[in-house]
Amino acid sequence: MFNLKYARILFITSILISLLLPIFLYEQLPERMASHFNLNNEADRWMNKNSYLL
C-alpha cells in the first residue's frame, strides 16, 4: 500500500508536467516544426506551433 501511494503521486506528477511544460515553453517553440520523418530521417510533414498543443 505504501508503494502504491508513491506510484500514484509519481503518475499524477508526470501527467501534470507533460501537460504544463508545453504551455510554459510555447514562446520558445519555432513557428514551424517537423511532425513526421521518412525512412531517411528527413522531415516530410510540418505543423505550426499552435497544432503542437493539441
PDB file of N, CA and C in Angstrom:
ATOM      1  N   MET A   1       0.825  -1.195   0.000  1.00  0.00           N
ATOM      2  CA  MET A   1       0.000   0.000   0.000  1.00  0.00           C
ATOM      3  C   MET A   1       0.867   1.255   0.000  1.00  0.00           C
ATOM      4  N   PHE A   2       1.991   1.190   0.703  1.00  0.00           N
ATOM      5  CA  PHE A   2       2.889   2.336   0.791  1.00  0.00           C
ATOM      6  C   PHE A   2       3.471   2.674  -0.582  1.00  0.00           C
ATOM      7  N   ASN A   3       3.885   1.661  -1.336  1.00  0.00           N
ATOM      8  CA  ASN A   3       4.454   1.883  -2.665  1.00  0.00           C
ATOM      9  C   ASN A   3       3.407   2.360  -3.660  1.00  0.00           C
ATOM     10  N   LEU A   4       2.180   1.920  -3.502  1.00  0.00           N
ATOM     11  CA  LEU A   4       1.104   2.341  -4.392  1.00  0.00           C
ATOM     12  C   LEU A   4       0.849   3.836  -4.265  1.00  0.00           C
ATOM     13  N   LYS A   5       0.984   4.361  -3.058  1.00  0.00           N
ATOM     14  CA  LYS A   5       0.798   5.794  -2.842  1.00  0.00           C
ATOM     15  C   LYS A   5       1.848   6.591  -3.613  1.00  0.00           C
ATOM     16  N   TYR A   6       3.100   6.183  -3.536  1.00  0.00           N
ATOM     17  CA  TYR A   6       4.170   6.884  -4.242  1.00  0.00           C
ATOM     18  C   TYR A   6       4.052   6.703  -5.757  1.00  0.00           C
ATOM     19  N   ALA A   7       3.613   5.547  -6.187  1.00  0.00           N
ATOM     20  CA  ALA A   7       3.410   5.324  -7.620  1.00  0.00           C
ATOM     21  C   ALA A   7       2.306   6.232  -8.148  1.00  0.00           C
ATOM     22  N   ARG A   8       1.258   6.392  -7.397  1.00  0.00           N
ATOM     23  CA  ARG A   8       0.155   7.265  -7.800  1.00  0.00           C
ATOM     24  C   ARG A   8       0.606   8.725  -7.846  1.00  0.00           C
ATOM     25  N   ILE A   9       1.385   9.152  -6.858  1.00  0.00           N
ATOM     26  CA  ILE A   9       1.905  10.527  -6.841  1.00  0.00           C
ATOM     27  C   ILE A   9       2.834  10.750  -8.030  1.00  0.00           C
ATOM     28  N   LEU A  10       3.698   9.799  -8.324  1.00  0.00           N
ATOM     29  CA  LEU A  10       4.604   9.905  -9.465  1.00  0.00           C
ATOM     30  C   LEU A  10       3.831   9.966 -10.782  1.00  0.00           C
ATOM     31  N   PHE A  11       2.797   9.162 -10.903  1.00  0.00           N
ATOM     32  CA  PHE A  11       1.979   9.150 -12.115  1.00  0.00           C
ATOM     33  C   PHE A  11       1.282  10.493 -12.319  1.00  0.00           C
ATOM     34  N   ILE A  12       0.656  11.019 -11.296  1.00  0.00           N
ATOM     35  CA  ILE A  12      -0.054  12.300 -11.399  1.00  0.00           C
ATOM     36  C   ILE A  12       0.921  13.432 -11.684  1.00  0.00           C
ATOM     37  N   THR A  13       2.076  13.409 -11.043  1.00  0.00           N
ATOM     38  CA  THR A  13       3.088  14.439 -11.279  1.00  0.00           C
ATOM     39  C   THR A  13       3.584  14.409 -12.720  1.00  0.00           C
ATOM     40  N   SER A  14       3.830  13.239 -13.252  1.00  0.00           N
ATOM     41  CA  SER A  14       4.307  13.144 -14.637  1.00  0.00           C
ATOM     42  C   SER A  14       3.242  13.603 -15.629  1.00  0.00           C
ATOM     43  N   ILE A  15       1.983  13.331 -15.356  1.00  0.00           N
ATOM     44  CA  ILE A  15       0.897  13.809 -16.220  1.00  0.00           C
ATOM     45  C   ILE A  15       0.831  15.332 -16.174  1.00  0.00           C
ATOM     46  N   LEU A  16       0.909  15.907 -14.996  1.00  0.00           N
ATOM     47  CA  LEU A  16       0.850  17.364 -14.868  1.00  0.00           C
ATOM     48  C   LEU A  16       2.024  18.040 -15.571  1.00  0.00           C
ATOM     49  N   ILE A  17       3.208  17.482 -15.429  1.00  0.00           N
ATOM     50  CA  ILE A  17       4.380  18.061 -16.095  1.00  0.00           C
ATOM     51  C   ILE A  17       4.213  17.999 -17.607  1.00  0.00           C
ATOM     52  N   SER A  18       3.738  16.869 -18.122  1.00  0.00           N
ATOM     53  CA  SER A  18       3.588  16.743 -19.575  1.00  0.00           C
ATOM     54  C   SER A  18       2.501  17.656 -20.123  1.00  0.00           C
ATOM     55  N   LEU A  19       1.544  18.051 -19.303  1.00  0.00           N
ATOM     56  CA  LEU A  19       0.507  18.983 -19.748  1.00  0.00           C
ATOM     57  C   LEU A  19       0.931  20.438 -19.612  1.00  0.00           C
ATOM     58  N   LEU A  20       1.687  20.759 -18.583  1.00  0.00           N
ATOM     59  CA  LEU A  20       2.035  22.149 -18.311  1.00  0.00           C
ATOM     60  C   LEU A  20       3.314  22.615 -19.003  1.00  0.00           C
ATOM     61  N   LEU A  21       4.246  21.735 -19.220  1.00  0.00           N
ATOM     62  CA  LEU A  21       5.523  22.133 -19.816  1.00  0.00           C
ATOM     63  C   LEU A  21       5.373  22.770 -21.201  1.00  0.00           C
ATOM     64  N   PRO A  22       4.595  22.198 -22.114  1.00  0.00           N
ATOM     65  CA  PRO A  22       4.440  22.869 -23.420  1.00  0.00           C
ATOM     66  C   PRO A  22       3.811  24.254 -23.319  1.00  0.00           C
ATOM     67  N   ILE A  23       2.949  24.461 -22.362  1.00  0.00           N
ATOM     68  CA  ILE A  23       2.321  25.772 -22.200  1.00  0.00           C
ATOM     69  C   ILE A  23       3.361  26.804 -21.778  1.00  0.00           C
ATOM     70  N   PHE A  24       4.230  26.436 -20.853  1.00  0.00           N
ATOM     71  CA  PHE A  24       5.250  27.371 -20.382  1.00  0.00           C
ATOM     72  C   PHE A  24       6.344  27.612 -21.419  1.00  0.00           C
ATOM     73  N   LEU A  25       6.607  26.636 -22.272  1.00  0.00           N
ATOM     74  CA  LEU A  25       7.663  26.758 -23.272  1.00  0.00           C
ATOM     75  C   LEU A  25       7.135  27.172 -24.642  1.00  0.00           C
ATOM     76  N   TYR A  26       5.886  27.542 -24.734  1.00  0.00           N
ATOM     77  CA  TYR A  26       5.247  27.862 -26.012  1.00  0.00           C
ATOM     78  C   TYR A  26       5.988  28.948 -26.780  1.00  0.00           C
ATOM     79  N   GLU A  27       6.410  29.994 -26.112  1.00  0.00           N
ATOM     80  CA  GLU A  27       7.082  31.109 -26.788  1.00  0.00           C
ATOM     81  C   GLU A  27       8.434  30.707 -27.375  1.00  0.00           C
ATOM     82  N   GLN A  28       9.051  29.678 -26.837  1.00  0.00           N
ATOM     83  CA  GLN A  28      10.361  29.245 -27.324  1.00  0.00           C
ATOM     84  C   GLN A  28      10.267  28.288 -28.513  1.00  0.00           C
ATOM     85  N   LEU A  29       9.079  27.795 -28.805  1.00  0.00           N
ATOM     86  CA  LEU A  29       8.909  26.875 -29.924  1.00  0.00           C
ATOM     87  C   LEU A  29       9.049  27.615 -31.252  1.00  0.00           C
ATOM     88  N   PRO A  30       9.617  26.969 -32.259  1.00  0.00           N
ATOM     89  CA  PRO A  30       9.664  27.607 -33.582  1.00  0.00           C
ATOM     90  C   PRO A  30       8.259  27.665 -34.180  1.00  0.00           C
ATOM     91  N   GLU A  31       8.038  28.573 -35.115  1.00  0.00           N
ATOM     92  CA  GLU A  31       6.718  28.714 -35.736  1.00  0.00           C
ATOM     93  C   GLU A  31       6.316  27.459 -36.506  1.00  0.00           C
ATOM     94  N   ARG A  32       7.273  26.784 -37.101  1.00  0.00           N
ATOM     95  CA  ARG A  32       7.013  25.597 -37.911  1.00  0.00           C
ATOM     96  C   ARG A  32       7.898  24.460 -37.413  1.00  0.00           C
ATOM     97  N   MET A  33       7.282  23.311 -37.123  1.00  0.00           N
ATOM     98  CA  MET A  33       8.019  22.172 -36.579  1.00  0.00           C
ATOM     99  C   MET A  33       7.760  20.928 -37.407  1.00  0.00           C
ATOM    100  N   ALA A  34       8.755  20.068 -37.505  1.00  0.00           N
ATOM    101  CA  ALA A  34       8.589  18.797 -38.206  1.00  0.00           C
ATOM    102  C   ALA A  34       7.699  17.883 -37.375  1.00  0.00           C
ATOM    103  N   SER A  35       6.756  17.231 -38.036  1.00  0.00           N
ATOM    104  CA  SER A  35       5.851  16.342 -37.316  1.00  0.00           C
ATOM    105  C   SER A  35       5.949  14.896 -37.792  1.00  0.00           C
ATOM    106  N   HIS A  36       6.640  14.660 -38.908  1.00  0.00           N
ATOM    107  CA  HIS A  36       6.777  13.299 -39.416  1.00  0.00           C
ATOM    108  C   HIS A  36       8.097  13.196 -40.169  1.00  0.00           C
ATOM    109  N   PHE A  37       8.730  12.046 -40.063  1.00  0.00           N
ATOM    110  CA  PHE A  37      10.019  11.820 -40.720  1.00  0.00           C
ATOM    111  C   PHE A  37       9.938  10.562 -41.582  1.00  0.00           C
ATOM    112  N   ASN A  38      10.605  10.572 -42.738  1.00  0.00           N
ATOM    113  CA  ASN A  38      10.621   9.398 -43.615  1.00  0.00           C
ATOM    114  C   ASN A  38      11.723   8.431 -43.178  1.00  0.00           C
ATOM    115  N   LEU A  39      11.925   7.390 -43.969  1.00  0.00           N
ATOM    116  CA  LEU A  39      12.919   6.372 -43.606  1.00  0.00           C
ATOM    117  C   LEU A  39      14.351   6.884 -43.648  1.00  0.00           C
ATOM    118  N   ASN A  40      14.579   7.982 -44.341  1.00  0.00           N
ATOM    119  CA  ASN A  40      15.913   8.587 -44.399  1.00  0.00           C
ATOM    120  C   ASN A  40      16.118   9.620 -43.299  1.00  0.00           C
ATOM    121  N   ASN A  41      15.202   9.666 -42.364  1.00  0.00           N
ATOM    122  CA  ASN A  41      15.248  10.595 -41.234  1.00  0.00           C
ATOM    123  C   ASN A  41      15.180  12.056 -41.691  1.00  0.00           C
ATOM    124  N   GLU A  42      14.414  12.285 -42.755  1.00  0.00           N
ATOM    125  CA  GLU A  42      14.189  13.639 -43.258  1.00  0.00           C
ATOM    126  C   GLU A  42      12.746  14.035 -42.964  1.00  0.00           C
ATOM    127  N   ALA A  43      12.555  15.259 -42.552  1.00  0.00           N
ATOM    128  CA  ALA A  43      11.198  15.728 -42.258  1.00  0.00           C
ATOM    129  C   ALA A  43      10.391  15.804 -43.544  1.00  0.00           C
ATOM    130  N   ASP A  44       9.191  15.206 -43.536  1.00  0.00           N
ATOM    131  CA  ASP A  44       8.344  15.278 -44.720  1.00  0.00           C
ATOM    132  C   ASP A  44       6.941  15.815 -44.417  1.00  0.00           C
ATOM    133  N   ARG A  45       6.678  16.125 -43.168  1.00  0.00           N
ATOM    134  CA  ARG A  45       5.432  16.796 -42.803  1.00  0.00           C
ATOM    135  C   ARG A  45       5.742  17.833 -41.740  1.00  0.00           C
ATOM    136  N   TRP A  46       5.008  18.914 -41.792  1.00  0.00           N
ATOM    137  CA  TRP A  46       5.250  20.033 -40.896  1.00  0.00           C
ATOM    138  C   TRP A  46       3.956  20.471 -40.231  1.00  0.00           C
ATOM    139  N   MET A  47       4.069  21.116 -39.073  1.00  0.00           N
ATOM    140  CA  MET A  47       2.909  21.689 -38.397  1.00  0.00           C
ATOM    141  C   MET A  47       3.336  22.991 -37.734  1.00  0.00           C
ATOM    142  N   ASN A  48       2.364  23.851 -37.480  1.00  0.00           N
ATOM    143  CA  ASN A  48       2.696  25.090 -36.776  1.00  0.00           C
ATOM    144  C   ASN A  48       2.642  24.839 -35.273  1.00  0.00           C
ATOM    145  N   LYS A  49       3.145  25.773 -34.507  1.00  0.00           N
ATOM    146  CA  LYS A  49       3.249  25.534 -33.065  1.00  0.00           C
ATOM    147  C   LYS A  49       1.892  25.519 -32.374  1.00  0.00           C
ATOM    148  N   ASN A  50       0.863  26.095 -32.974  1.00  0.00           N
ATOM    149  CA  ASN A  50      -0.471  26.012 -32.385  1.00  0.00           C
ATOM    150  C   ASN A  50      -0.992  24.582 -32.395  1.00  0.00           C
ATOM    151  N   SER A  51      -0.678  23.841 -33.432  1.00  0.00           N
ATOM    152  CA  SER A  51      -1.113  22.447 -33.528  1.00  0.00           C
ATOM    153  C   SER A  51      -0.388  21.559 -32.529  1.00  0.00           C
ATOM    154  N   TYR A  52       0.785  21.949 -32.129  1.00  0.00           N
ATOM    155  CA  TYR A  52       1.572  21.154 -31.180  1.00  0.00           C
ATOM    156  C   TYR A  52       0.858  21.007 -29.844  1.00  0.00           C
ATOM    157  N   LEU A  53       0.157  22.030 -29.419  1.00  0.00           N
ATOM    158  CA  LEU A  53      -0.505  21.985 -28.121  1.00  0.00           C
ATOM    159  C   LEU A  53      -1.757  21.128 -28.121  1.00  0.00           C
ATOM    160  N   LEU A  54      -2.258  20.785 -29.295  1.00  0.00           N
ATOM    161  CA  LEU A  54      -3.432  19.919 -29.363  1.00  0.00           C
ATOM    162  C   LEU A  54      -3.011  18.527 -29.071  1.00  0.00           C
TER     163      LEU A  54
END
